[in-house]
Amino acid sequence: VSNVNEMSSAIQASSRRLTAEQRRGQLFAVALELFALRGYRATTMDDIAERAGVTKPLLYQHFSSKRALYLELVDSIAQDQLTAIRRAIMRAEGPRQQVELGFAAYFQLVVSNELEFRLLYGRDHADDFELGRALRAVEDAIAEAIDPLIDAGLDDDHRRLLAYGIVGMAEGASRRFMAHRPDTAAEAGEEAQRLARRMADLAWAGLRSVHAD
């Protein structure tokens, strides 16, 4: 019991030394883990506070509600995804490579941030309009990043429809990948690169055959 009390005191002392920014990052990390593994509905603010080793009033100092925390977390993950995809596309030397590097960045995020993927594409909040809208906003943003890559003389609506189709392909492939994920990080990384090449081949072949009508 003494050791447990000493450990608890040490954690609390360490927690008190965190800056506001560090505390927010810690709470984000804890919330991400719980939301991803348990789902939105099954996770409470009490759970998050307990796992983080803080009081619930302190948690509420940073986030006004579980919903606010979740929505901010989704937005943060989406921005990280978009940044990674856009940086990858900027390194490309041509349209074909833009498509492959974009897929590669996306699937690498799936490999290295499994919890984020599970949070974004979980289904236990499908009937919640606000949460569903936040997740659709992620798809909207990724589709907007893909849209400029589709240069086939198409009108805006046609091009945007294809962009959403590519987003759907990537999500479906990611679900399949996660269901059969290799055991080691190295193998998962290699498989992600292979998946990116295959999906890029499929997307590129399809885009080249598209005609304005």
N, C-alpha and C. Protein backbone atom coordinates (compact mmCIF):
# COMPACT_ATOMS: atom_id res chain seq x y z
N VAL A 1 0.83 -1.20 0.00
CA VAL A 1 0.00 0.00 0.00
C VAL A 1 0.87 1.25 0.00
N SER A 2 1.96 1.19 0.76
CA SER A 2 2.85 2.33 0.83
C SER A 2 3.43 2.66 -0.54
N ASN A 3 3.85 1.61 -1.28
CA ASN A 3 4.41 1.83 -2.61
C ASN A 3 3.38 2.42 -3.56
N VAL A 4 2.14 1.94 -3.45
CA VAL A 4 1.08 2.47 -4.30
C VAL A 4 0.85 3.93 -4.00
N ASN A 5 0.81 4.28 -2.70
CA ASN A 5 0.61 5.68 -2.32
C ASN A 5 1.75 6.56 -2.80
N GLU A 6 2.98 6.03 -2.69
CA GLU A 6 4.13 6.79 -3.14
C GLU A 6 4.07 7.04 -4.65
N MET A 7 3.66 6.00 -5.41
CA MET A 7 3.55 6.14 -6.86
C MET A 7 2.48 7.15 -7.21
N SER A 8 1.34 7.08 -6.50
CA SER A 8 0.25 8.02 -6.76
C SER A 8 0.69 9.44 -6.48
N SER A 9 1.44 9.63 -5.39
CA SER A 9 1.93 10.97 -5.06
C SER A 9 2.90 11.48 -6.11
N ALA A 10 3.73 10.57 -6.63
CA ALA A 10 4.71 10.95 -7.65
C ALA A 10 4.01 11.38 -8.93
N ILE A 11 2.97 10.64 -9.31
CA ILE A 11 2.21 10.97 -10.52
C ILE A 11 1.55 12.32 -10.36
N GLN A 12 0.94 12.55 -9.19
CA GLN A 12 0.27 13.82 -8.95
C GLN A 12 1.28 14.97 -8.96
N ALA A 13 2.45 14.74 -8.37
CA ALA A 13 3.47 15.78 -8.35
C ALA A 13 3.94 16.09 -9.76
N SER A 14 4.13 15.01 -10.57
CA SER A 14 4.54 15.20 -11.96
C SER A 14 3.46 15.93 -12.73
N SER A 15 2.19 15.57 -12.46
CA SER A 15 1.08 16.21 -13.15
C SER A 15 1.04 17.70 -12.87
N ARG A 16 1.34 18.08 -11.62
CA ARG A 16 1.29 19.49 -11.25
C ARG A 16 2.37 20.28 -11.97
N ARG A 17 3.45 19.62 -12.41
CA ARG A 17 4.54 20.32 -13.07
C ARG A 17 4.27 20.58 -14.55
N LEU A 18 3.23 20.00 -15.11
CA LEU A 18 2.94 20.18 -16.52
C LEU A 18 2.44 21.60 -16.79
N THR A 19 2.89 22.15 -17.92
CA THR A 19 2.35 23.43 -18.37
C THR A 19 0.94 23.18 -18.92
N ALA A 20 0.22 24.26 -19.15
CA ALA A 20 -1.14 24.13 -19.69
C ALA A 20 -1.11 23.43 -21.05
N GLU A 21 -0.12 23.75 -21.88
CA GLU A 21 -0.02 23.13 -23.20
C GLU A 21 0.30 21.64 -23.07
N GLN A 22 1.22 21.31 -22.16
CA GLN A 22 1.57 19.91 -21.94
C GLN A 22 0.37 19.13 -21.39
N ARG A 23 -0.36 19.76 -20.48
CA ARG A 23 -1.54 19.10 -19.91
C ARG A 23 -2.58 18.82 -21.00
N ARG A 24 -2.78 19.79 -21.87
CA ARG A 24 -3.74 19.61 -22.95
C ARG A 24 -3.33 18.45 -23.86
N GLY A 25 -2.04 18.38 -24.14
CA GLY A 25 -1.53 17.28 -24.96
C GLY A 25 -1.72 15.94 -24.28
N GLN A 26 -1.50 15.91 -22.98
CA GLN A 26 -1.69 14.66 -22.23
C GLN A 26 -3.16 14.24 -22.27
N LEU A 27 -4.05 15.18 -22.05
CA LEU A 27 -5.48 14.86 -22.05
C LEU A 27 -5.94 14.40 -23.43
N PHE A 28 -5.40 15.03 -24.47
CA PHE A 28 -5.71 14.60 -25.84
C PHE A 28 -5.30 13.15 -26.05
N ALA A 29 -4.08 12.81 -25.61
CA ALA A 29 -3.56 11.45 -25.80
C ALA A 29 -4.41 10.42 -25.06
N VAL A 30 -4.79 10.75 -23.85
CA VAL A 30 -5.62 9.83 -23.06
C VAL A 30 -7.00 9.68 -23.69
N ALA A 31 -7.60 10.80 -24.08
CA ALA A 31 -8.93 10.76 -24.69
C ALA A 31 -8.89 9.97 -26.00
N LEU A 32 -7.85 10.17 -26.79
CA LEU A 32 -7.72 9.44 -28.05
C LEU A 32 -7.72 7.94 -27.80
N GLU A 33 -6.93 7.50 -26.84
CA GLU A 33 -6.84 6.07 -26.54
C GLU A 33 -8.20 5.52 -26.12
N LEU A 34 -8.87 6.20 -25.22
CA LEU A 34 -10.14 5.69 -24.71
C LEU A 34 -11.24 5.74 -25.76
N PHE A 35 -11.34 6.84 -26.49
CA PHE A 35 -12.36 6.94 -27.54
C PHE A 35 -12.14 5.87 -28.61
N ALA A 36 -10.87 5.65 -28.98
CA ALA A 36 -10.57 4.70 -30.05
C ALA A 36 -10.85 3.26 -29.62
N LEU A 37 -10.50 2.93 -28.39
CA LEU A 37 -10.63 1.54 -27.94
C LEU A 37 -12.01 1.21 -27.39
N ARG A 38 -12.65 2.18 -26.74
CA ARG A 38 -13.95 1.92 -26.12
C ARG A 38 -15.12 2.46 -26.94
N GLY A 39 -14.86 3.49 -27.73
CA GLY A 39 -15.93 4.16 -28.45
C GLY A 39 -16.36 5.43 -27.71
N TYR A 40 -17.03 6.31 -28.45
CA TYR A 40 -17.44 7.58 -27.87
C TYR A 40 -18.45 7.39 -26.74
N ARG A 41 -19.47 6.59 -26.98
CA ARG A 41 -20.53 6.45 -25.99
C ARG A 41 -20.04 5.84 -24.68
N ALA A 42 -19.17 4.85 -24.77
CA ALA A 42 -18.74 4.12 -23.58
C ALA A 42 -17.69 4.87 -22.76
N THR A 43 -17.16 5.93 -23.30
CA THR A 43 -16.12 6.69 -22.60
C THR A 43 -16.74 7.89 -21.89
N THR A 44 -16.39 8.08 -20.64
CA THR A 44 -16.91 9.21 -19.87
C THR A 44 -15.77 10.17 -19.51
N MET A 45 -16.13 11.35 -19.11
CA MET A 45 -15.12 12.30 -18.65
C MET A 45 -14.46 11.79 -17.37
N ASP A 46 -15.20 11.05 -16.55
CA ASP A 46 -14.59 10.43 -15.37
C ASP A 46 -13.48 9.47 -15.78
N ASP A 47 -13.75 8.68 -16.83
CA ASP A 47 -12.74 7.73 -17.32
C ASP A 47 -11.48 8.46 -17.76
N ILE A 48 -11.67 9.54 -18.50
CA ILE A 48 -10.53 10.28 -19.03
C ILE A 48 -9.72 10.91 -17.89
N ALA A 49 -10.43 11.51 -16.93
CA ALA A 49 -9.74 12.14 -15.80
C ALA A 49 -8.98 11.10 -14.99
N GLU A 50 -9.61 9.96 -14.74
CA GLU A 50 -8.95 8.91 -13.95
C GLU A 50 -7.71 8.39 -14.65
N ARG A 51 -7.82 8.11 -15.98
CA ARG A 51 -6.67 7.59 -16.72
C ARG A 51 -5.54 8.62 -16.78
N ALA A 52 -5.90 9.90 -16.85
CA ALA A 52 -4.89 10.96 -16.92
C ALA A 52 -4.30 11.30 -15.56
N GLY A 53 -4.93 10.80 -14.49
CA GLY A 53 -4.44 11.10 -13.15
C GLY A 53 -4.73 12.51 -12.71
N VAL A 54 -5.87 13.05 -13.17
CA VAL A 54 -6.25 14.42 -12.80
C VAL A 54 -7.67 14.40 -12.25
N THR A 55 -8.07 15.50 -11.67
CA THR A 55 -9.44 15.62 -11.18
C THR A 55 -10.35 15.99 -12.35
N LYS A 56 -11.63 15.67 -12.22
CA LYS A 56 -12.56 16.03 -13.29
C LYS A 56 -12.69 17.55 -13.43
N PRO A 57 -12.71 18.33 -12.34
CA PRO A 57 -12.75 19.79 -12.52
C PRO A 57 -11.58 20.31 -13.35
N LEU A 58 -10.39 19.72 -13.17
CA LEU A 58 -9.25 20.16 -13.97
C LEU A 58 -9.47 19.83 -15.45
N LEU A 59 -10.03 18.65 -15.70
CA LEU A 59 -10.33 18.27 -17.08
C LEU A 59 -11.30 19.27 -17.71
N TYR A 60 -12.31 19.68 -16.93
CA TYR A 60 -13.30 20.63 -17.45
C TYR A 60 -12.72 22.04 -17.61
N GLN A 61 -11.59 22.31 -16.99
CA GLN A 61 -10.93 23.60 -17.24
C GLN A 61 -10.42 23.68 -18.68
N HIS A 62 -10.09 22.52 -19.25
CA HIS A 62 -9.55 22.49 -20.61
C HIS A 62 -10.63 22.22 -21.66
N PHE A 63 -11.65 21.44 -21.31
CA PHE A 63 -12.69 21.07 -22.26
C PHE A 63 -14.05 21.17 -21.58
N SER A 64 -14.97 21.87 -22.20
CA SER A 64 -16.25 22.14 -21.55
C SER A 64 -17.14 20.90 -21.46
N SER A 65 -16.90 19.90 -22.30
CA SER A 65 -17.73 18.70 -22.29
C SER A 65 -17.01 17.58 -23.03
N LYS A 66 -17.52 16.37 -22.90
CA LYS A 66 -16.96 15.24 -23.65
C LYS A 66 -17.10 15.49 -25.14
N ARG A 67 -18.23 16.02 -25.53
CA ARG A 67 -18.47 16.30 -26.96
C ARG A 67 -17.46 17.31 -27.49
N ALA A 68 -17.22 18.38 -26.73
CA ALA A 68 -16.27 19.40 -27.16
C ALA A 68 -14.87 18.81 -27.29
N LEU A 69 -14.49 17.97 -26.35
CA LEU A 69 -13.19 17.31 -26.39
C LEU A 69 -13.08 16.43 -27.64
N TYR A 70 -14.12 15.65 -27.90
CA TYR A 70 -14.11 14.74 -29.04
C TYR A 70 -14.02 15.52 -30.36
N LEU A 71 -14.82 16.56 -30.49
CA LEU A 71 -14.82 17.33 -31.73
C LEU A 71 -13.48 18.01 -31.97
N GLU A 72 -12.89 18.53 -30.91
CA GLU A 72 -11.58 19.16 -31.06
C GLU A 72 -10.52 18.13 -31.42
N LEU A 73 -10.63 16.95 -30.86
CA LEU A 73 -9.69 15.87 -31.17
C LEU A 73 -9.82 15.46 -32.64
N VAL A 74 -11.04 15.30 -33.11
CA VAL A 74 -11.26 14.95 -34.52
C VAL A 74 -10.66 16.01 -35.44
N ASP A 75 -10.89 17.28 -35.11
CA ASP A 75 -10.35 18.36 -35.93
C ASP A 75 -8.83 18.35 -35.95
N SER A 76 -8.21 18.08 -34.81
CA SER A 76 -6.76 18.03 -34.72
C SER A 76 -6.19 16.90 -35.58
N ILE A 77 -6.83 15.73 -35.51
CA ILE A 77 -6.39 14.59 -36.31
C ILE A 77 -6.53 14.89 -37.79
N ALA A 78 -7.64 15.51 -38.17
CA ALA A 78 -7.87 15.84 -39.57
C ALA A 78 -6.81 16.79 -40.10
N GLN A 79 -6.45 17.78 -39.30
CA GLN A 79 -5.43 18.73 -39.73
C GLN A 79 -4.08 18.05 -39.90
N ASP A 80 -3.76 17.11 -39.01
CA ASP A 80 -2.50 16.36 -39.14
C ASP A 80 -2.50 15.54 -40.42
N GLN A 81 -3.63 14.91 -40.73
CA GLN A 81 -3.73 14.12 -41.96
C GLN A 81 -3.53 14.99 -43.19
N LEU A 82 -4.23 16.11 -43.22
CA LEU A 82 -4.14 16.99 -44.38
C LEU A 82 -2.73 17.54 -44.57
N THR A 83 -2.10 17.90 -43.47
CA THR A 83 -0.73 18.42 -43.55
C THR A 83 0.21 17.38 -44.14
N ALA A 84 0.10 16.13 -43.66
CA ALA A 84 0.96 15.06 -44.15
C ALA A 84 0.72 14.79 -45.64
N ILE A 85 -0.54 14.75 -46.05
CA ILE A 85 -0.87 14.48 -47.46
C ILE A 85 -0.40 15.61 -48.36
N ARG A 86 -0.62 16.85 -47.95
CA ARG A 86 -0.22 17.99 -48.77
C ARG A 86 1.30 18.07 -48.90
N ARG A 87 2.01 17.80 -47.82
CA ARG A 87 3.48 17.81 -47.89
C ARG A 87 3.98 16.73 -48.83
N ALA A 88 3.35 15.56 -48.78
CA ALA A 88 3.75 14.47 -49.66
C ALA A 88 3.51 14.84 -51.11
N ILE A 89 2.36 15.42 -51.41
CA ILE A 89 2.03 15.79 -52.78
C ILE A 89 3.00 16.84 -53.32
N MET A 90 3.42 17.76 -52.46
CA MET A 90 4.33 18.82 -52.89
C MET A 90 5.70 18.28 -53.31
N ARG A 91 6.06 17.10 -52.82
CA ARG A 91 7.37 16.51 -53.17
C ARG A 91 7.34 15.80 -54.52
N ALA A 92 6.15 15.60 -55.06
CA ALA A 92 6.00 14.82 -56.29
C ALA A 92 6.53 15.59 -57.49
N GLU A 93 7.01 14.83 -58.48
CA GLU A 93 7.55 15.43 -59.70
C GLU A 93 6.54 15.43 -60.85
N GLY A 94 5.39 14.80 -60.65
CA GLY A 94 4.37 14.77 -61.69
C GLY A 94 3.05 14.27 -61.13
N PRO A 95 1.98 14.33 -61.92
CA PRO A 95 0.64 13.92 -61.44
C PRO A 95 0.59 12.48 -60.94
N ARG A 96 1.20 11.55 -61.67
CA ARG A 96 1.16 10.15 -61.26
C ARG A 96 1.82 9.96 -59.90
N GLN A 97 2.94 10.62 -59.70
CA GLN A 97 3.63 10.50 -58.42
C GLN A 97 2.86 11.22 -57.32
N GLN A 98 2.15 12.27 -57.66
CA GLN A 98 1.32 12.95 -56.67
C GLN A 98 0.29 11.98 -56.08
N VAL A 99 -0.34 11.21 -56.97
CA VAL A 99 -1.34 10.26 -56.51
C VAL A 99 -0.72 9.21 -55.60
N GLU A 100 0.42 8.65 -56.02
CA GLU A 100 1.04 7.60 -55.20
C GLU A 100 1.55 8.13 -53.88
N LEU A 101 2.20 9.29 -53.89
CA LEU A 101 2.72 9.85 -52.63
C LEU A 101 1.58 10.25 -51.69
N GLY A 102 0.47 10.70 -52.28
CA GLY A 102 -0.68 11.03 -51.45
C GLY A 102 -1.22 9.80 -50.75
N PHE A 103 -1.37 8.71 -51.49
CA PHE A 103 -1.80 7.45 -50.89
C PHE A 103 -0.78 6.96 -49.86
N ALA A 104 0.50 7.07 -50.19
CA ALA A 104 1.55 6.59 -49.28
C ALA A 104 1.49 7.33 -47.95
N ALA A 105 1.28 8.65 -48.01
CA ALA A 105 1.18 9.43 -46.78
C ALA A 105 -0.04 9.01 -45.98
N TYR A 106 -1.15 8.79 -46.66
CA TYR A 106 -2.38 8.38 -45.98
C TYR A 106 -2.21 7.04 -45.28
N PHE A 107 -1.69 6.04 -46.00
CA PHE A 107 -1.58 4.71 -45.41
C PHE A 107 -0.48 4.66 -44.35
N GLN A 108 0.53 5.49 -44.47
CA GLN A 108 1.54 5.54 -43.42
C GLN A 108 0.94 6.09 -42.13
N LEU A 109 0.02 7.03 -42.26
CA LEU A 109 -0.68 7.54 -41.08
C LEU A 109 -1.52 6.44 -40.44
N VAL A 110 -2.14 5.60 -41.26
CA VAL A 110 -2.93 4.49 -40.73
C VAL A 110 -2.03 3.55 -39.93
N VAL A 111 -0.83 3.28 -40.46
CA VAL A 111 0.11 2.38 -39.79
C VAL A 111 0.61 2.98 -38.48
N SER A 112 1.02 4.23 -38.51
CA SER A 112 1.68 4.83 -37.35
C SER A 112 0.71 5.44 -36.35
N ASN A 113 -0.55 5.61 -36.76
CA ASN A 113 -1.54 6.23 -35.86
C ASN A 113 -2.82 5.41 -35.87
N GLU A 114 -2.70 4.15 -35.47
CA GLU A 114 -3.84 3.24 -35.51
C GLU A 114 -5.00 3.76 -34.68
N LEU A 115 -4.72 4.33 -33.52
CA LEU A 115 -5.79 4.82 -32.66
C LEU A 115 -6.56 5.95 -33.34
N GLU A 116 -5.85 6.82 -34.04
CA GLU A 116 -6.52 7.92 -34.73
C GLU A 116 -7.44 7.38 -35.82
N PHE A 117 -6.97 6.38 -36.55
CA PHE A 117 -7.80 5.80 -37.60
C PHE A 117 -9.06 5.18 -37.00
N ARG A 118 -8.89 4.45 -35.91
CA ARG A 118 -10.05 3.81 -35.28
C ARG A 118 -11.05 4.84 -34.76
N LEU A 119 -10.53 5.96 -34.25
CA LEU A 119 -11.44 7.00 -33.77
C LEU A 119 -12.22 7.61 -34.93
N LEU A 120 -11.53 7.92 -36.03
CA LEU A 120 -12.20 8.58 -37.15
C LEU A 120 -13.23 7.70 -37.82
N TYR A 121 -12.94 6.40 -37.89
CA TYR A 121 -13.81 5.54 -38.68
C TYR A 121 -14.59 4.54 -37.84
N GLY A 122 -14.70 4.83 -36.55
CA GLY A 122 -15.57 4.02 -35.71
C GLY A 122 -17.02 4.30 -36.07
N ARG A 123 -17.90 3.41 -35.70
CA ARG A 123 -19.30 3.53 -36.13
C ARG A 123 -20.29 3.70 -34.98
N ASP A 124 -19.80 3.86 -33.74
CA ASP A 124 -20.77 3.90 -32.64
C ASP A 124 -21.42 5.27 -32.50
N HIS A 125 -21.07 6.22 -33.35
CA HIS A 125 -21.68 7.54 -33.30
C HIS A 125 -22.36 7.88 -34.62
N ALA A 126 -22.67 6.85 -35.41
CA ALA A 126 -23.22 7.07 -36.75
C ALA A 126 -24.56 7.80 -36.71
N ASP A 127 -25.32 7.61 -35.64
CA ASP A 127 -26.65 8.23 -35.57
C ASP A 127 -26.64 9.57 -34.84
N ASP A 128 -25.46 10.08 -34.51
CA ASP A 128 -25.34 11.38 -33.86
C ASP A 128 -24.99 12.41 -34.94
N PHE A 129 -25.91 13.32 -35.21
CA PHE A 129 -25.74 14.23 -36.34
C PHE A 129 -24.48 15.08 -36.21
N GLU A 130 -24.26 15.67 -35.05
CA GLU A 130 -23.13 16.58 -34.89
C GLU A 130 -21.81 15.85 -35.02
N LEU A 131 -21.69 14.68 -34.37
CA LEU A 131 -20.45 13.92 -34.46
C LEU A 131 -20.25 13.40 -35.88
N GLY A 132 -21.33 12.94 -36.49
CA GLY A 132 -21.23 12.47 -37.87
C GLY A 132 -20.81 13.58 -38.81
N ARG A 133 -21.33 14.79 -38.58
CA ARG A 133 -20.97 15.93 -39.42
C ARG A 133 -19.48 16.25 -39.27
N ALA A 134 -18.94 16.14 -38.04
CA ALA A 134 -17.52 16.41 -37.83
C ALA A 134 -16.66 15.43 -38.60
N LEU A 135 -17.07 14.16 -38.60
CA LEU A 135 -16.30 13.15 -39.32
C LEU A 135 -16.44 13.32 -40.83
N ARG A 136 -17.62 13.72 -41.28
CA ARG A 136 -17.77 13.99 -42.71
C ARG A 136 -16.92 15.18 -43.14
N ALA A 137 -16.70 16.09 -42.23
CA ALA A 137 -15.84 17.24 -42.53
C ALA A 137 -14.42 16.79 -42.81
N VAL A 138 -13.98 15.73 -42.14
CA VAL A 138 -12.66 15.17 -42.41
C VAL A 138 -12.61 14.65 -43.84
N GLU A 139 -13.63 13.91 -44.25
CA GLU A 139 -13.68 13.39 -45.61
C GLU A 139 -13.75 14.55 -46.62
N ASP A 140 -14.51 15.59 -46.28
CA ASP A 140 -14.60 16.76 -47.16
C ASP A 140 -13.22 17.38 -47.38
N ALA A 141 -12.48 17.53 -46.29
CA ALA A 141 -11.18 18.18 -46.37
C ALA A 141 -10.19 17.36 -47.19
N ILE A 142 -10.21 16.04 -47.01
CA ILE A 142 -9.30 15.19 -47.79
C ILE A 142 -9.70 15.22 -49.26
N ALA A 143 -11.00 15.18 -49.54
CA ALA A 143 -11.47 15.26 -50.93
C ALA A 143 -11.04 16.58 -51.57
N GLU A 144 -11.07 17.67 -50.81
CA GLU A 144 -10.64 18.96 -51.34
C GLU A 144 -9.15 18.95 -51.67
N ALA A 145 -8.37 18.20 -50.88
CA ALA A 145 -6.93 18.10 -51.16
C ALA A 145 -6.67 17.29 -52.42
N ILE A 146 -7.52 16.30 -52.68
CA ILE A 146 -7.36 15.43 -53.84
C ILE A 146 -7.87 16.11 -55.11
N ASP A 147 -8.89 16.90 -54.99
CA ASP A 147 -9.57 17.52 -56.14
C ASP A 147 -8.61 18.12 -57.17
N PRO A 148 -7.63 18.95 -56.74
CA PRO A 148 -6.74 19.57 -57.73
C PRO A 148 -5.89 18.57 -58.52
N LEU A 149 -5.73 17.35 -58.01
CA LEU A 149 -4.93 16.36 -58.70
C LEU A 149 -5.65 15.77 -59.90
N ILE A 150 -6.96 15.97 -59.96
CA ILE A 150 -7.77 15.38 -61.02
C ILE A 150 -7.90 16.41 -62.15
N ASP A 151 -7.00 16.32 -63.09
CA ASP A 151 -6.97 17.30 -64.17
C ASP A 151 -7.33 16.59 -65.48
N ALA A 152 -8.60 16.50 -65.74
CA ALA A 152 -9.04 15.77 -66.93
C ALA A 152 -10.07 16.57 -67.71
N GLY A 153 -10.02 17.89 -67.58
CA GLY A 153 -10.97 18.72 -68.30
C GLY A 153 -12.39 18.54 -67.82
N LEU A 154 -12.56 18.23 -66.53
CA LEU A 154 -13.88 17.95 -65.98
C LEU A 154 -14.46 19.20 -65.32
N ASP A 155 -15.77 19.23 -65.23
CA ASP A 155 -16.38 20.33 -64.48
C ASP A 155 -16.19 20.08 -62.99
N ASP A 156 -16.47 21.10 -62.19
CA ASP A 156 -16.18 21.04 -60.75
C ASP A 156 -16.91 19.88 -60.07
N ASP A 157 -18.20 19.72 -60.37
CA ASP A 157 -18.99 18.67 -59.71
C ASP A 157 -18.47 17.28 -60.07
N HIS A 158 -18.13 17.09 -61.33
CA HIS A 158 -17.62 15.79 -61.78
C HIS A 158 -16.30 15.47 -61.09
N ARG A 159 -15.42 16.46 -61.04
CA ARG A 159 -14.11 16.26 -60.42
C ARG A 159 -14.25 15.98 -58.92
N ARG A 160 -15.13 16.71 -58.25
CA ARG A 160 -15.32 16.52 -56.81
C ARG A 160 -15.91 15.14 -56.52
N LEU A 161 -16.83 14.67 -57.37
CA LEU A 161 -17.40 13.33 -57.20
C LEU A 161 -16.30 12.27 -57.25
N LEU A 162 -15.38 12.41 -58.19
CA LEU A 162 -14.28 11.45 -58.30
C LEU A 162 -13.36 11.54 -57.07
N ALA A 163 -13.16 12.74 -56.56
CA ALA A 163 -12.32 12.91 -55.37
C ALA A 163 -12.91 12.15 -54.19
N TYR A 164 -14.23 12.24 -54.02
CA TYR A 164 -14.88 11.50 -52.93
C TYR A 164 -14.79 10.00 -53.17
N GLY A 165 -14.85 9.59 -54.43
CA GLY A 165 -14.70 8.17 -54.73
C GLY A 165 -13.34 7.66 -54.31
N ILE A 166 -12.31 8.46 -54.53
CA ILE A 166 -10.96 8.07 -54.14
C ILE A 166 -10.83 8.01 -52.63
N VAL A 167 -11.45 8.96 -51.94
CA VAL A 167 -11.45 8.93 -50.47
C VAL A 167 -12.10 7.65 -49.97
N GLY A 168 -13.23 7.27 -50.58
CA GLY A 168 -13.90 6.04 -50.19
C GLY A 168 -13.04 4.81 -50.43
N MET A 169 -12.31 4.79 -51.55
CA MET A 169 -11.39 3.69 -51.84
C MET A 169 -10.33 3.58 -50.75
N ALA A 170 -9.76 4.71 -50.38
CA ALA A 170 -8.71 4.71 -49.37
C ALA A 170 -9.23 4.22 -48.03
N GLU A 171 -10.42 4.68 -47.64
CA GLU A 171 -10.99 4.24 -46.36
C GLU A 171 -11.27 2.74 -46.37
N GLY A 172 -11.86 2.25 -47.46
CA GLY A 172 -12.16 0.82 -47.55
C GLY A 172 -10.91 -0.02 -47.50
N ALA A 173 -9.88 0.40 -48.23
CA ALA A 173 -8.62 -0.34 -48.22
C ALA A 173 -7.98 -0.31 -46.84
N SER A 174 -8.12 0.82 -46.15
CA SER A 174 -7.55 0.94 -44.81
C SER A 174 -8.24 0.00 -43.83
N ARG A 175 -9.54 -0.13 -43.95
CA ARG A 175 -10.27 -1.05 -43.07
C ARG A 175 -9.79 -2.49 -43.30
N ARG A 176 -9.63 -2.84 -44.56
CA ARG A 176 -9.12 -4.17 -44.88
C ARG A 176 -7.72 -4.37 -44.32
N PHE A 177 -6.89 -3.35 -44.47
CA PHE A 177 -5.52 -3.42 -43.96
C PHE A 177 -5.52 -3.62 -42.45
N MET A 178 -6.35 -2.86 -41.73
CA MET A 178 -6.36 -2.95 -40.27
C MET A 178 -6.88 -4.30 -39.80
N ALA A 179 -7.80 -4.88 -40.56
CA ALA A 179 -8.34 -6.20 -40.18
C ALA A 179 -7.30 -7.30 -40.35
N HIS A 180 -6.31 -7.09 -41.21
CA HIS A 180 -5.29 -8.09 -41.47
C HIS A 180 -3.90 -7.49 -41.30
N ARG A 181 -3.76 -6.62 -40.34
CA ARG A 181 -2.51 -5.89 -40.12
C ARG A 181 -1.37 -6.84 -39.77
N PRO A 182 -0.19 -6.70 -40.40
CA PRO A 182 0.97 -7.52 -40.05
C PRO A 182 1.36 -7.33 -38.59
N ASP A 183 2.07 -8.31 -38.05
CA ASP A 183 2.38 -8.29 -36.62
C ASP A 183 3.43 -7.25 -36.24
N THR A 184 4.43 -7.04 -37.09
CA THR A 184 5.51 -6.13 -36.73
C THR A 184 5.35 -4.78 -37.42
N ALA A 185 5.97 -3.76 -36.82
CA ALA A 185 5.89 -2.42 -37.39
C ALA A 185 6.57 -2.36 -38.76
N ALA A 186 7.68 -3.07 -38.90
CA ALA A 186 8.39 -3.08 -40.18
C ALA A 186 7.53 -3.69 -41.28
N GLU A 187 6.91 -4.82 -40.97
CA GLU A 187 6.04 -5.48 -41.95
C GLU A 187 4.84 -4.60 -42.28
N ALA A 188 4.30 -3.94 -41.27
CA ALA A 188 3.15 -3.05 -41.50
C ALA A 188 3.55 -1.89 -42.40
N GLY A 189 4.75 -1.34 -42.18
CA GLY A 189 5.22 -0.24 -43.02
C GLY A 189 5.41 -0.67 -44.46
N GLU A 190 5.97 -1.84 -44.66
CA GLU A 190 6.16 -2.36 -46.02
C GLU A 190 4.82 -2.61 -46.70
N GLU A 191 3.89 -3.18 -45.95
CA GLU A 191 2.57 -3.46 -46.52
C GLU A 191 1.85 -2.16 -46.87
N ALA A 192 2.04 -1.13 -46.04
CA ALA A 192 1.41 0.16 -46.33
C ALA A 192 1.94 0.74 -47.63
N GLN A 193 3.25 0.62 -47.87
CA GLN A 193 3.83 1.11 -49.12
C GLN A 193 3.31 0.32 -50.31
N ARG A 194 3.19 -0.98 -50.14
CA ARG A 194 2.66 -1.82 -51.22
C ARG A 194 1.21 -1.45 -51.52
N LEU A 195 0.45 -1.24 -50.46
CA LEU A 195 -0.95 -0.86 -50.62
C LEU A 195 -1.08 0.48 -51.33
N ALA A 196 -0.20 1.42 -50.98
CA ALA A 196 -0.23 2.73 -51.63
C ALA A 196 0.03 2.61 -53.12
N ARG A 197 1.00 1.77 -53.51
CA ARG A 197 1.30 1.60 -54.93
C ARG A 197 0.11 0.98 -55.67
N ARG A 198 -0.49 -0.02 -55.05
CA ARG A 198 -1.62 -0.69 -55.70
C ARG A 198 -2.82 0.24 -55.84
N MET A 199 -3.11 0.98 -54.79
CA MET A 199 -4.25 1.89 -54.85
C MET A 199 -3.98 3.04 -55.84
N ALA A 200 -2.72 3.49 -55.89
CA ALA A 200 -2.37 4.54 -56.84
C ALA A 200 -2.52 4.04 -58.27
N ASP A 201 -2.11 2.80 -58.51
CA ASP A 201 -2.28 2.22 -59.85
C ASP A 201 -3.76 2.21 -60.24
N LEU A 202 -4.59 1.76 -59.29
CA LEU A 202 -6.02 1.68 -59.56
C LEU A 202 -6.61 3.06 -59.81
N ALA A 203 -6.29 4.00 -58.94
CA ALA A 203 -6.84 5.36 -59.05
C ALA A 203 -6.35 6.03 -60.33
N TRP A 204 -5.07 5.90 -60.62
CA TRP A 204 -4.50 6.56 -61.79
C TRP A 204 -5.09 5.99 -63.08
N ALA A 205 -5.19 4.66 -63.15
CA ALA A 205 -5.78 4.04 -64.34
C ALA A 205 -7.21 4.50 -64.53
N GLY A 206 -7.95 4.59 -63.43
CA GLY A 206 -9.33 5.05 -63.53
C GLY A 206 -9.43 6.49 -63.96
N LEU A 207 -8.57 7.35 -63.39
CA LEU A 207 -8.63 8.77 -63.72
C LEU A 207 -8.25 9.03 -65.18
N ARG A 208 -7.33 8.26 -65.70
CA ARG A 208 -6.90 8.47 -67.09
C ARG A 208 -7.98 8.06 -68.08
N SER A 209 -8.90 7.25 -67.63
CA SER A 209 -9.96 6.79 -68.54
C SER A 209 -11.23 7.64 -68.42
N VAL A 210 -11.21 8.61 -67.54
CA VAL A 210 -12.38 9.45 -67.32
C VAL A 210 -12.54 10.45 -68.46
N HIS A 211 -13.77 10.65 -68.88
CA HIS A 211 -14.05 11.61 -69.94
C HIS A 211 -15.13 12.59 -69.46
N ALA A 212 -15.00 13.80 -69.89
CA ALA A 212 -16.04 14.80 -69.58
C ALA A 212 -17.29 14.46 -70.38
N ASP A 213 -18.44 14.54 -69.76
CA ASP A 213 -19.68 14.28 -70.47
C ASP A 213 -20.81 15.15 -69.92
